[in-house]
């Protein structure tokens, strides 16, 4: 079987959720409206030892409009005062801004201390 990649296939948009391992606070992040470019493809010849070959994938996050807050939002992250319900459910559903959320104005991320999660 051979898999073919369509040159004019429409990009699929997704939300990227992650947490840095070793982060003292366990801050969780989400980037909205992401697309991924084709990864680099390469190979290496085996030598004396086996080393993992890494591939590079470029991900772009663009703003998404959320009517609940009437704003375009690119990313969000948990904060010190994020509720346990939101924090523990972070990877179960993509958290979206709610009217009770307080967006950060500095451009460094959003503090989502409101309750509930979105789609």
PDB file of N, CA and C in Angstrom:
ATOM      1  N   UNK A   1       0.851  -1.177   0.000  1.00  0.00           N
ATOM      2  CA  UNK A   1       0.000   0.000   0.000  1.00  0.00           C
ATOM      3  C   UNK A   1       0.891   1.232   0.000  1.00  0.00           C
ATOM      4  N   UNK A   2       0.480   2.251  -0.707  1.00  0.00           N
ATOM      5  CA  UNK A   2       1.211   3.511  -0.764  1.00  0.00           C
ATOM      6  C   UNK A   2       0.280   4.626  -0.320  1.00  0.00           C
ATOM      7  N   UNK A   3       0.776   5.497   0.560  1.00  0.00           N
ATOM      8  CA  UNK A   3       0.006   6.653   1.015  1.00  0.00           C
ATOM      9  C   UNK A   3       0.464   7.886   0.253  1.00  0.00           C
ATOM     10  N   UNK A   4      -0.477   8.616  -0.280  1.00  0.00           N
ATOM     11  CA  UNK A   4      -0.176   9.826  -1.037  1.00  0.00           C
ATOM     12  C   UNK A   4      -0.664  11.039  -0.265  1.00  0.00           C
ATOM     13  N   UNK A   5       0.095  12.104  -0.343  1.00  0.00           N
ATOM     14  CA  UNK A   5      -0.279  13.358   0.309  1.00  0.00           C
ATOM     15  C   UNK A   5      -0.759  14.325  -0.764  1.00  0.00           C
ATOM     16  N   UNK A   6      -1.960  14.827  -0.588  1.00  0.00           N
ATOM     17  CA  UNK A   6      -2.533  15.771  -1.546  1.00  0.00           C
ATOM     18  C   UNK A   6      -1.880  17.138  -1.388  1.00  0.00           C
ATOM     19  N   UNK A   7      -1.431  17.710  -2.474  1.00  0.00           N
ATOM     20  CA  UNK A   7      -0.762  19.009  -2.438  1.00  0.00           C
ATOM     21  C   UNK A   7      -1.721  20.138  -2.080  1.00  0.00           C
ATOM     22  N   UNK A   8      -2.979  20.016  -2.455  1.00  0.00           N
ATOM     23  CA  UNK A   8      -3.937  21.098  -2.214  1.00  0.00           C
ATOM     24  C   UNK A   8      -4.950  20.760  -1.121  1.00  0.00           C
ATOM     25  N   UNK A   9      -4.609  19.825  -0.252  1.00  0.00           N
ATOM     26  CA  UNK A   9      -5.505  19.464   0.855  1.00  0.00           C
ATOM     27  C   UNK A   9      -5.648  20.646   1.811  1.00  0.00           C
ATOM     28  N   UNK A  10      -6.843  20.836   2.318  1.00  0.00           N
ATOM     29  CA  UNK A  10      -7.101  21.928   3.262  1.00  0.00           C
ATOM     30  C   UNK A  10      -6.405  21.651   4.592  1.00  0.00           C
ATOM     31  N   UNK A  11      -5.859  22.701   5.176  1.00  0.00           N
ATOM     32  CA  UNK A  11      -5.209  22.574   6.484  1.00  0.00           C
ATOM     33  C   UNK A  11      -6.247  22.250   7.545  1.00  0.00           C
ATOM     34  N   UNK A  12      -5.862  21.429   8.490  1.00  0.00           N
ATOM     35  CA  UNK A  12      -6.739  21.091   9.609  1.00  0.00           C
ATOM     36  C   UNK A  12      -6.303  21.929  10.801  1.00  0.00           C
ATOM     37  N   UNK A  13      -7.243  22.638  11.404  1.00  0.00           N
ATOM     38  CA  UNK A  13      -6.954  23.490  12.555  1.00  0.00           C
ATOM     39  C   UNK A  13      -7.183  22.699  13.835  1.00  0.00           C
ATOM     40  N   UNK A  14      -6.330  22.937  14.819  1.00  0.00           N
ATOM     41  CA  UNK A  14      -6.420  22.212  16.084  1.00  0.00           C
ATOM     42  C   UNK A  14      -5.953  23.103  17.223  1.00  0.00           C
ATOM     43  N   UNK A  15      -6.263  22.680  18.438  1.00  0.00           N
ATOM     44  CA  UNK A  15      -5.770  23.350  19.640  1.00  0.00           C
ATOM     45  C   UNK A  15      -4.634  22.498  20.196  1.00  0.00           C
ATOM     46  N   UNK A  16      -3.556  23.141  20.598  1.00  0.00           N
ATOM     47  CA  UNK A  16      -2.397  22.448  21.159  1.00  0.00           C
ATOM     48  C   UNK A  16      -2.360  22.708  22.661  1.00  0.00           C
ATOM     49  N   UNK A  17      -2.503  21.651  23.448  1.00  0.00           N
ATOM     50  CA  UNK A  17      -2.472  21.755  24.902  1.00  0.00           C
ATOM     51  C   UNK A  17      -1.214  21.074  25.404  1.00  0.00           C
ATOM     52  N   UNK A  18      -0.530  21.706  26.363  1.00  0.00           N
ATOM     53  CA  UNK A  18       0.712  21.127  26.860  1.00  0.00           C
ATOM     54  C   UNK A  18       1.058  21.669  28.236  1.00  0.00           C
ATOM     55  N   UNK A  19       2.017  20.989  28.866  1.00  0.00           N
ATOM     56  CA  UNK A  19       2.562  21.386  30.163  1.00  0.00           C
ATOM     57  C   UNK A  19       4.036  21.040  30.130  1.00  0.00           C
ATOM     58  N   UNK A  20       4.887  21.950  30.597  1.00  0.00           N
ATOM     59  CA  UNK A  20       6.319  21.674  30.635  1.00  0.00           C
ATOM     60  C   UNK A  20       6.626  20.780  31.825  1.00  0.00           C
ATOM     61  N   UNK A  21       7.316  19.677  31.589  1.00  0.00           N
ATOM     62  CA  UNK A  21       7.714  18.793  32.673  1.00  0.00           C
ATOM     63  C   UNK A  21       8.767  19.504  33.520  1.00  0.00           C
ATOM     64  N   UNK A  22       8.656  19.369  34.824  1.00  0.00           N
ATOM     65  CA  UNK A  22       9.607  19.991  35.731  1.00  0.00           C
ATOM     66  C   UNK A  22       9.226  21.403  36.132  1.00  0.00           C
ATOM     67  N   UNK A  23       8.158  21.937  35.558  1.00  0.00           N
ATOM     68  CA  UNK A  23       7.677  23.269  35.908  1.00  0.00           C
ATOM     69  C   UNK A  23       7.139  23.202  37.343  1.00  0.00           C
ATOM     70  N   UNK A  24       7.684  24.032  38.230  1.00  0.00           N
ATOM     71  CA  UNK A  24       7.323  23.980  39.652  1.00  0.00           C
ATOM     72  C   UNK A  24       5.819  24.135  39.872  1.00  0.00           C
ATOM     73  N   UNK A  25       5.180  25.006  39.117  1.00  0.00           N
ATOM     74  CA  UNK A  25       3.749  25.267  39.294  1.00  0.00           C
ATOM     75  C   UNK A  25       2.884  24.356  38.435  1.00  0.00           C
ATOM     76  N   UNK A  26       3.480  23.627  37.500  1.00  0.00           N
ATOM     77  CA  UNK A  26       2.674  22.782  36.620  1.00  0.00           C
ATOM     78  C   UNK A  26       1.756  23.607  35.738  1.00  0.00           C
ATOM     79  N   UNK A  27       2.252  24.735  35.236  1.00  0.00           N
ATOM     80  CA  UNK A  27       1.435  25.625  34.412  1.00  0.00           C
ATOM     81  C   UNK A  27       1.047  24.893  33.133  1.00  0.00           C
ATOM     82  N   UNK A  28      -0.229  24.934  32.817  1.00  0.00           N
ATOM     83  CA  UNK A  28      -0.749  24.281  31.620  1.00  0.00           C
ATOM     84  C   UNK A  28      -1.103  25.351  30.596  1.00  0.00           C
ATOM     85  N   UNK A  29      -0.872  25.038  29.328  1.00  0.00           N
ATOM     86  CA  UNK A  29      -1.027  26.007  28.251  1.00  0.00           C
ATOM     87  C   UNK A  29      -1.944  25.466  27.168  1.00  0.00           C
ATOM     88  N   UNK A  30      -2.568  26.383  26.410  1.00  0.00           N
ATOM     89  CA  UNK A  30      -3.305  26.021  25.200  1.00  0.00           C
ATOM     90  C   UNK A  30      -3.046  27.104  24.156  1.00  0.00           C
ATOM     91  N   UNK A  31      -2.734  26.675  22.935  1.00  0.00           N
ATOM     92  CA  UNK A  31      -2.673  27.553  21.774  1.00  0.00           C
ATOM     93  C   UNK A  31      -3.875  27.198  20.919  1.00  0.00           C
ATOM     94  N   UNK A  32      -4.653  28.207  20.537  1.00  0.00           N
ATOM     95  CA  UNK A  32      -5.856  27.996  19.739  1.00  0.00           C
ATOM     96  C   UNK A  32      -5.553  28.118  18.246  1.00  0.00           C
ATOM     97  N   UNK A  33      -6.418  27.548  17.426  1.00  0.00           N
ATOM     98  CA  UNK A  33      -6.420  27.747  15.979  1.00  0.00           C
ATOM     99  C   UNK A  33      -5.043  27.468  15.357  1.00  0.00           C
ATOM    100  N   UNK A  34      -4.462  26.317  15.675  1.00  0.00           N
ATOM    101  CA  UNK A  34      -3.128  25.951  15.185  1.00  0.00           C
ATOM    102  C   UNK A  34      -3.201  25.220  13.850  1.00  0.00           C
ATOM    103  N   UNK A  35      -2.134  25.367  13.085  1.00  0.00           N
ATOM    104  CA  UNK A  35      -1.907  24.551  11.893  1.00  0.00           C
ATOM    105  C   UNK A  35      -0.463  24.086  11.951  1.00  0.00           C
ATOM    106  N   UNK A  36      -0.198  22.972  11.294  1.00  0.00           N
ATOM    107  CA  UNK A  36       1.156  22.423  11.277  1.00  0.00           C
ATOM    108  C   UNK A  36       1.646  22.332   9.835  1.00  0.00           C
ATOM    109  N   UNK A  37       2.906  22.680   9.636  1.00  0.00           N
ATOM    110  CA  UNK A  37       3.535  22.541   8.324  1.00  0.00           C
ATOM    111  C   UNK A  37       4.032  21.102   8.181  1.00  0.00           C
ATOM    112  N   UNK A  38       4.382  20.738   6.996  1.00  0.00           N
ATOM    113  CA  UNK A  38       4.950  19.401   6.778  1.00  0.00           C
ATOM    114  C   UNK A  38       6.249  19.279   7.567  1.00  0.00           C
ATOM    115  N   UNK A  39       6.460  18.149   8.228  1.00  0.00           N
ATOM    116  CA  UNK A  39       7.717  17.971   8.973  1.00  0.00           C
ATOM    117  C   UNK A  39       8.885  17.751   8.021  1.00  0.00           C
ATOM    118  N   UNK A  40      10.066  18.054   8.508  1.00  0.00           N
ATOM    119  CA  UNK A  40      11.261  17.755   7.727  1.00  0.00           C
ATOM    120  C   UNK A  40      11.420  16.236   7.682  1.00  0.00           C
ATOM    121  N   UNK A  41      11.931  15.728   6.603  1.00  0.00           N
ATOM    122  CA  UNK A  41      12.129  14.296   6.455  1.00  0.00           C
ATOM    123  C   UNK A  41      13.588  14.040   6.131  1.00  0.00           C
ATOM    124  N   UNK A  42      14.177  13.123   6.831  1.00  0.00           N
ATOM    125  CA  UNK A  42      15.577  12.815   6.597  1.00  0.00           C
ATOM    126  C   UNK A  42      15.910  11.445   7.133  1.00  0.00           C
ATOM    127  N   UNK A  43      17.121  11.027   6.880  1.00  0.00           N
ATOM    128  CA  UNK A  43      17.565   9.748   7.406  1.00  0.00           C
ATOM    129  C   UNK A  43      19.050   9.828   7.705  1.00  0.00           C
ATOM    130  N   UNK A  44      19.521   8.880   8.479  1.00  0.00           N
ATOM    131  CA  UNK A  44      20.938   8.825   8.824  1.00  0.00           C
ATOM    132  C   UNK A  44      21.437   7.405   8.638  1.00  0.00           C
ATOM    133  N   UNK A  45      22.693   7.291   8.338  1.00  0.00           N
ATOM    134  CA  UNK A  45      23.320   5.984   8.219  1.00  0.00           C
ATOM    135  C   UNK A  45      23.708   5.501   9.605  1.00  0.00           C
ATOM    136  N   UNK A  46      23.464   4.230   9.880  1.00  0.00           N
ATOM    137  CA  UNK A  46      23.862   3.664  11.170  1.00  0.00           C
ATOM    138  C   UNK A  46      25.375   3.600  11.238  1.00  0.00           C
ATOM    139  N   UNK A  47      25.887   4.018  12.363  1.00  0.00           N
ATOM    140  CA  UNK A  47      27.329   3.948  12.590  1.00  0.00           C
ATOM    141  C   UNK A  47      27.609   3.020  13.741  1.00  0.00           C
ATOM    142  N   UNK A  48      28.530   3.410  14.572  1.00  0.00           N
ATOM    143  CA  UNK A  48      28.911   2.616  15.745  1.00  0.00           C
ATOM    144  C   UNK A  48      27.778   2.542  16.767  1.00  0.00           C
ATOM    145  N   UNK A  49      26.999   3.629  16.863  1.00  0.00           N
ATOM    146  CA  UNK A  49      25.916   3.651  17.841  1.00  0.00           C
ATOM    147  C   UNK A  49      24.623   4.099  17.158  1.00  0.00           C
ATOM    148  N   UNK A  50      23.520   3.856  17.826  1.00  0.00           N
ATOM    149  CA  UNK A  50      22.217   4.259  17.302  1.00  0.00           C
ATOM    150  C   UNK A  50      21.788   5.519  18.036  1.00  0.00           C
ATOM    151  N   UNK A  51      21.518   6.564  17.275  1.00  0.00           N
ATOM    152  CA  UNK A  51      21.038   7.812  17.853  1.00  0.00           C
ATOM    153  C   UNK A  51      19.685   8.137  17.245  1.00  0.00           C
ATOM    154  N   UNK A  52      18.832   8.696  18.062  1.00  0.00           N
ATOM    155  CA  UNK A  52      17.502   9.048  17.584  1.00  0.00           C
ATOM    156  C   UNK A  52      17.592  10.168  16.559  1.00  0.00           C
ATOM    157  N   UNK A  53      16.845  10.029  15.495  1.00  0.00           N
ATOM    158  CA  UNK A  53      16.763  11.076  14.471  1.00  0.00           C
ATOM    159  C   UNK A  53      15.559  11.934  14.812  1.00  0.00           C
ATOM    160  N   UNK A  54      15.779  13.212  14.977  1.00  0.00           N
ATOM    161  CA  UNK A  54      14.670  14.098  15.289  1.00  0.00           C
ATOM    162  C   UNK A  54      14.127  14.720  14.012  1.00  0.00           C
ATOM    163  N   UNK A  55      12.859  15.068  14.050  1.00  0.00           N
ATOM    164  CA  UNK A  55      12.213  15.756  12.946  1.00  0.00           C
ATOM    165  C   UNK A  55      11.685  17.072  13.477  1.00  0.00           C
ATOM    166  N   UNK A  56      11.623  18.064  12.616  1.00  0.00           N
ATOM    167  CA  UNK A  56      11.141  19.381  13.011  1.00  0.00           C
ATOM    168  C   UNK A  56       9.764  19.612  12.422  1.00  0.00           C
ATOM    169  N   UNK A  57       8.860  20.088  13.257  1.00  0.00           N
ATOM    170  CA  UNK A  57       7.494  20.384  12.841  1.00  0.00           C
ATOM    171  C   UNK A  57       7.194  21.818  13.245  1.00  0.00           C
ATOM    172  N   UNK A  58       6.851  22.650  12.289  1.00  0.00           N
ATOM    173  CA  UNK A  58       6.523  24.042  12.584  1.00  0.00           C
ATOM    174  C   UNK A  58       5.024  24.162  12.816  1.00  0.00           C
ATOM    175  N   UNK A  59       4.658  24.707  13.972  1.00  0.00           N
ATOM    176  CA  UNK A  59       3.253  24.906  14.323  1.00  0.00           C
ATOM    177  C   UNK A  59       2.995  26.401  14.424  1.00  0.00           C
ATOM    178  N   UNK A  60       1.910  26.843  13.799  1.00  0.00           N
ATOM    179  CA  UNK A  60       1.522  28.246  13.836  1.00  0.00           C
ATOM    180  C   UNK A  60       0.189  28.368  14.555  1.00  0.00           C
ATOM    181  N   UNK A  61       0.113  29.279  15.522  1.00  0.00           N
ATOM    182  CA  UNK A  61      -1.135  29.544  16.236  1.00  0.00           C
ATOM    183  C   UNK A  61      -1.636  30.921  15.826  1.00  0.00           C
ATOM    184  N   UNK A  62      -2.880  30.983  15.381  1.00  0.00           N
ATOM    185  CA  UNK A  62      -3.503  32.253  15.009  1.00  0.00           C
ATOM    186  C   UNK A  62      -4.651  32.513  15.970  1.00  0.00           C
ATOM    187  N   UNK A  63      -5.056  33.743  16.044  1.00  0.00           N
ATOM    188  CA  UNK A  63      -6.133  34.085  16.974  1.00  0.00           C
ATOM    189  C   UNK A  63      -7.453  33.434  16.552  1.00  0.00           C
ATOM    190  N   UNK A  64      -8.263  33.160  17.548  1.00  0.00           N
ATOM    191  CA  UNK A  64      -9.611  32.637  17.344  1.00  0.00           C
ATOM    192  C   UNK A  64     -10.563  33.573  18.067  1.00  0.00           C
ATOM    193  N   UNK A  65     -11.701  33.874  17.460  1.00  0.00           N
ATOM    194  CA  UNK A  65     -12.676  34.790  18.075  1.00  0.00           C
ATOM    195  C   UNK A  65     -13.579  33.997  19.004  1.00  0.00           C
ATOM    196  N   UNK A  66     -13.723  34.494  20.240  1.00  0.00           N
ATOM    197  CA  UNK A  66     -14.607  33.883  21.219  1.00  0.00           C
ATOM    198  C   UNK A  66     -15.696  34.885  21.578  1.00  0.00           C
ATOM    199  N   UNK A  67     -16.915  34.566  21.193  1.00  0.00           N
ATOM    200  CA  UNK A  67     -18.026  35.493  21.394  1.00  0.00           C
ATOM    201  C   UNK A  67     -18.330  35.723  22.866  1.00  0.00           C
ATOM    202  N   UNK A  68     -18.025  34.773  23.748  1.00  0.00           N
ATOM    203  CA  UNK A  68     -18.306  34.929  25.179  1.00  0.00           C
ATOM    204  C   UNK A  68     -17.562  36.122  25.769  1.00  0.00           C
ATOM    205  N   UNK A  69     -16.384  36.424  25.221  1.00  0.00           N
ATOM    206  CA  UNK A  69     -15.589  37.554  25.714  1.00  0.00           C
ATOM    207  C   UNK A  69     -15.416  38.634  24.648  1.00  0.00           C
ATOM    208  N   UNK A  70     -15.991  38.387  23.456  1.00  0.00           N
ATOM    209  CA  UNK A  70     -15.924  39.325  22.337  1.00  0.00           C
ATOM    210  C   UNK A  70     -14.495  39.769  22.047  1.00  0.00           C
ATOM    211  N   UNK A  71     -13.595  38.778  21.998  1.00  0.00           N
ATOM    212  CA  UNK A  71     -12.178  39.055  21.755  1.00  0.00           C
ATOM    213  C   UNK A  71     -11.567  37.945  20.905  1.00  0.00           C
ATOM    214  N   UNK A  72     -10.490  38.302  20.209  1.00  0.00           N
ATOM    215  CA  UNK A  72      -9.651  37.316  19.534  1.00  0.00           C
ATOM    216  C   UNK A  72      -8.593  36.870  20.532  1.00  0.00           C
ATOM    217  N   UNK A  73      -8.426  35.579  20.693  1.00  0.00           N
ATOM    218  CA  UNK A  73      -7.492  35.030  21.665  1.00  0.00           C
ATOM    219  C   UNK A  73      -6.572  34.033  20.952  1.00  0.00           C
ATOM    220  N   UNK A  74      -5.281  34.093  21.234  1.00  0.00           N
ATOM    221  CA  UNK A  74      -4.309  33.187  20.630  1.00  0.00           C
ATOM    222  C   UNK A  74      -3.963  32.051  21.580  1.00  0.00           C
ATOM    223  N   UNK A  75      -3.816  32.365  22.861  1.00  0.00           N
ATOM    224  CA  UNK A  75      -3.376  31.350  23.822  1.00  0.00           C
ATOM    225  C   UNK A  75      -3.944  31.647  25.196  1.00  0.00           C
ATOM    226  N   UNK A  76      -3.849  30.644  26.061  1.00  0.00           N
ATOM    227  CA  UNK A  76      -4.265  30.791  27.454  1.00  0.00           C
ATOM    228  C   UNK A  76      -3.373  29.881  28.289  1.00  0.00           C
ATOM    229  N   UNK A  77      -3.314  30.144  29.573  1.00  0.00           N
ATOM    230  CA  UNK A  77      -2.548  29.293  30.482  1.00  0.00           C
ATOM    231  C   UNK A  77      -3.179  29.348  31.853  1.00  0.00           C
ATOM    232  N   UNK A  78      -2.872  28.347  32.654  1.00  0.00           N
ATOM    233  CA  UNK A  78      -3.378  28.348  34.017  1.00  0.00           C
ATOM    234  C   UNK A  78      -2.567  29.338  34.849  1.00  0.00           C
ATOM    235  N   UNK A  79      -3.136  29.749  35.950  1.00  0.00           N
ATOM    236  CA  UNK A  79      -2.500  30.709  36.845  1.00  0.00           C
ATOM    237  C   UNK A  79      -2.526  30.148  38.267  1.00  0.00           C
ATOM    238  N   UNK A  80      -1.911  30.866  39.195  1.00  0.00           N
ATOM    239  CA  UNK A  80      -1.882  30.417  40.594  1.00  0.00           C
ATOM    240  C   UNK A  80      -3.279  30.226  41.166  1.00  0.00           C
ATOM    241  N   UNK A  81      -4.247  31.045  40.710  1.00  0.00           N
ATOM    242  CA  UNK A  81      -5.590  30.965  41.266  1.00  0.00           C
ATOM    243  C   UNK A  81      -6.588  30.239  40.359  1.00  0.00           C
ATOM    244  N   UNK A  82      -6.096  29.453  39.399  1.00  0.00           N
ATOM    245  CA  UNK A  82      -6.985  28.648  38.563  1.00  0.00           C
ATOM    246  C   UNK A  82      -7.654  27.596  39.441  1.00  0.00           C
ATOM    247  N   UNK A  83      -8.963  27.417  39.277  1.00  0.00           N
ATOM    248  CA  UNK A  83      -9.690  26.454  40.106  1.00  0.00           C
ATOM    249  C   UNK A  83      -9.207  25.025  39.834  1.00  0.00           C
ATOM    250  N   UNK A  84      -9.361  24.169  40.835  1.00  0.00           N
ATOM    251  CA  UNK A  84      -8.972  22.761  40.687  1.00  0.00           C
ATOM    252  C   UNK A  84      -9.772  22.092  39.572  1.00  0.00           C
ATOM    253  N   UNK A  85     -11.026  22.470  39.410  1.00  0.00           N
ATOM    254  CA  UNK A  85     -11.876  21.883  38.366  1.00  0.00           C
ATOM    255  C   UNK A  85     -11.303  22.153  36.981  1.00  0.00           C
ATOM    256  N   UNK A  86     -10.919  23.393  36.722  1.00  0.00           N
ATOM    257  CA  UNK A  86     -10.340  23.745  35.423  1.00  0.00           C
ATOM    258  C   UNK A  86      -8.973  23.090  35.268  1.00  0.00           C
ATOM    259  N   UNK A  87      -8.138  23.184  36.282  1.00  0.00           N
ATOM    260  CA  UNK A  87      -6.781  22.627  36.206  1.00  0.00           C
ATOM    261  C   UNK A  87      -6.811  21.120  35.940  1.00  0.00           C
ATOM    262  N   UNK A  88      -7.608  20.389  36.713  1.00  0.00           N
ATOM    263  CA  UNK A  88      -7.654  18.936  36.585  1.00  0.00           C
ATOM    264  C   UNK A  88      -8.304  18.467  35.286  1.00  0.00           C
ATOM    265  N   UNK A  89      -9.167  19.287  34.711  1.00  0.00           N
ATOM    266  CA  UNK A  89      -9.832  18.925  33.462  1.00  0.00           C
ATOM    267  C   UNK A  89      -9.181  19.517  32.227  1.00  0.00           C
ATOM    268  N   UNK A  90      -8.014  20.153  32.395  1.00  0.00           N
ATOM    269  CA  UNK A  90      -7.353  20.885  31.309  1.00  0.00           C
ATOM    270  C   UNK A  90      -7.176  20.054  30.047  1.00  0.00           C
ATOM    271  N   UNK A  91      -6.767  18.805  30.195  1.00  0.00           N
ATOM    272  CA  UNK A  91      -6.492  17.964  29.035  1.00  0.00           C
ATOM    273  C   UNK A  91      -7.693  17.121  28.614  1.00  0.00           C
ATOM    274  N   UNK A  92      -8.831  17.270  29.277  1.00  0.00           N
ATOM    275  CA  UNK A  92     -10.040  16.533  28.908  1.00  0.00           C
ATOM    276  C   UNK A  92     -10.837  17.256  27.839  1.00  0.00           C
ATOM    277  N   UNK A  93     -10.790  18.571  27.870  1.00  0.00           N
ATOM    278  CA  UNK A  93     -11.528  19.423  26.939  1.00  0.00           C
ATOM    279  C   UNK A  93     -10.702  20.674  26.693  1.00  0.00           C
ATOM    280  N   UNK A  94     -10.852  21.274  25.542  1.00  0.00           N
ATOM    281  CA  UNK A  94     -10.144  22.527  25.268  1.00  0.00           C
ATOM    282  C   UNK A  94     -10.849  23.633  26.038  1.00  0.00           C
ATOM    283  N   UNK A  95     -10.128  24.264  26.949  1.00  0.00           N
ATOM    284  CA  UNK A  95     -10.703  25.354  27.736  1.00  0.00           C
ATOM    285  C   UNK A  95     -10.831  26.592  26.856  1.00  0.00           C
ATOM    286  N   UNK A  96     -12.006  27.174  26.849  1.00  0.00           N
ATOM    287  CA  UNK A  96     -12.242  28.391  26.085  1.00  0.00           C
ATOM    288  C   UNK A  96     -12.644  29.512  27.033  1.00  0.00           C
ATOM    289  N   UNK A  97     -12.374  30.764  26.663  1.00  0.00           N
ATOM    290  CA  UNK A  97     -12.706  31.889  27.542  1.00  0.00           C
ATOM    291  C   UNK A  97     -14.207  31.964  27.818  1.00  0.00           C
ATOM    292  N   UNK A  98     -14.524  32.343  29.045  1.00  0.00           N
ATOM    293  CA  UNK A  98     -15.911  32.568  29.434  1.00  0.00           C
ATOM    294  C   UNK A  98     -16.061  34.022  29.839  1.00  0.00           C
ATOM    295  N   UNK A  99     -17.274  34.479  29.962  1.00  0.00           N
ATOM    296  CA  UNK A  99     -17.523  35.869  30.332  1.00  0.00           C
ATOM    297  C   UNK A  99     -16.936  36.201  31.693  1.00  0.00           C
ATOM    298  N   UNK A 100     -16.770  35.200  32.573  1.00  0.00           N
ATOM    299  CA  UNK A 100     -16.230  35.457  33.906  1.00  0.00           C
ATOM    300  C   UNK A 100     -14.703  35.394  33.944  1.00  0.00           C
ATOM    301  N   UNK A 101     -14.063  35.032  32.822  1.00  0.00           N
ATOM    302  CA  UNK A 101     -12.601  34.964  32.765  1.00  0.00           C
ATOM    303  C   UNK A 101     -12.023  36.360  32.665  1.00  0.00           C
ATOM    304  N   UNK A 102     -10.832  36.526  33.195  1.00  0.00           N
ATOM    305  CA  UNK A 102     -10.148  37.809  33.144  1.00  0.00           C
ATOM    306  C   UNK A 102      -8.957  37.707  32.213  1.00  0.00           C
ATOM    307  N   UNK A 103      -9.077  38.221  30.969  1.00  0.00           N
ATOM    308  CA  UNK A 103      -7.936  38.121  30.060  1.00  0.00           C
ATOM    309  C   UNK A 103      -6.785  39.022  30.486  1.00  0.00           C
ATOM    310  N   UNK A 104      -5.567  38.558  30.282  1.00  0.00           N
ATOM    311  CA  UNK A 104      -4.380  39.362  30.566  1.00  0.00           C
ATOM    312  C   UNK A 104      -4.235  40.404  29.480  1.00  0.00           C
ATOM    313  N   UNK A 105      -3.928  41.618  29.840  1.00  0.00           N
ATOM    314  CA  UNK A 105      -3.804  42.683  28.857  1.00  0.00           C
ATOM    315  C   UNK A 105      -2.375  42.881  28.390  1.00  0.00           C
ATOM    316  N   UNK A 106      -1.418  42.204  29.024  1.00  0.00           N
ATOM    317  CA  UNK A 106      -0.015  42.411  28.680  1.00  0.00           C
ATOM    318  C   UNK A 106       0.433  41.607  27.478  1.00  0.00           C
ATOM    319  N   UNK A 107      -0.438  40.704  26.984  1.00  0.00           N
ATOM    320  CA  UNK A 107      -0.074  39.864  25.861  1.00  0.00           C
ATOM    321  C   UNK A 107       0.731  38.652  26.275  1.00  0.00           C
ATOM    322  N   UNK A 108       0.895  38.430  27.593  1.00  0.00           N
ATOM    323  CA  UNK A 108       1.703  37.309  28.063  1.00  0.00           C
ATOM    324  C   UNK A 108       0.866  36.081  28.361  1.00  0.00           C
ATOM    325  N   UNK A 109      -0.410  36.100  28.034  1.00  0.00           N
ATOM    326  CA  UNK A 109      -1.259  34.937  28.297  1.00  0.00           C
ATOM    327  C   UNK A 109      -2.498  35.366  29.020  1.00  0.00           C
ATOM    328  N   UNK A 110      -3.403  34.419  29.223  1.00  0.00           N
ATOM    329  CA  UNK A 110      -4.649  34.706  29.885  1.00  0.00           C
ATOM    330  C   UNK A 110      -4.720  33.973  31.202  1.00  0.00           C
ATOM    331  N   UNK A 111      -5.301  34.612  32.182  1.00  0.00           N
ATOM    332  CA  UNK A 111      -5.599  33.947  33.431  1.00  0.00           C
ATOM    333  C   UNK A 111      -7.047  33.532  33.364  1.00  0.00           C
ATOM    334  N   UNK A 112      -7.307  32.252  33.270  1.00  0.00           N
ATOM    335  CA  UNK A 112      -8.663  31.762  33.169  1.00  0.00           C
ATOM    336  C   UNK A 112      -9.119  31.265  34.515  1.00  0.00           C
ATOM    337  N   UNK A 113      -9.646  32.159  35.331  1.00  0.00           N
ATOM    338  CA  UNK A 113     -10.098  31.750  36.651  1.00  0.00           C
ATOM    339  C   UNK A 113     -11.598  31.545  36.689  1.00  0.00           C
ATOM    340  N   UNK A 114     -12.252  31.671  35.538  1.00  0.00           N
ATOM    341  CA  UNK A 114     -13.685  31.407  35.456  1.00  0.00           C
ATOM    342  C   UNK A 114     -13.948  29.925  35.540  1.00  0.00           C
ATOM    343  N   UNK A 115     -15.202  29.554  35.668  1.00  0.00           N
ATOM    344  CA  UNK A 115     -15.509  28.139  35.794  1.00  0.00           C
ATOM    345  C   UNK A 115     -15.936  27.572  34.451  1.00  0.00           C
ATOM    346  N   UNK A 116     -15.796  26.267  34.334  1.00  0.00           N
ATOM    347  CA  UNK A 116     -16.267  25.567  33.144  1.00  0.00           C
ATOM    348  C   UNK A 116     -15.233  25.512  32.054  1.00  0.00           C
ATOM    349  N   UNK A 117     -15.521  24.659  31.084  1.00  0.00           N
ATOM    350  CA  UNK A 117     -14.657  24.560  29.928  1.00  0.00           C
ATOM    351  C   UNK A 117     -15.525  24.501  28.700  1.00  0.00           C
ATOM    352  N   UNK A 118     -14.935  24.847  27.586  1.00  0.00           N
ATOM    353  CA  UNK A 118     -15.716  24.930  26.352  1.00  0.00           C
ATOM    354  C   UNK A 118     -15.566  23.694  25.519  1.00  0.00           C
ATOM    355  N   UNK A 119     -15.733  23.895  24.225  1.00  0.00           N
ATOM    356  CA  UNK A 119     -15.725  22.776  23.287  1.00  0.00           C
ATOM    357  C   UNK A 119     -14.381  22.217  23.162  1.00  0.00           C
TER     358      UNK A 119
END
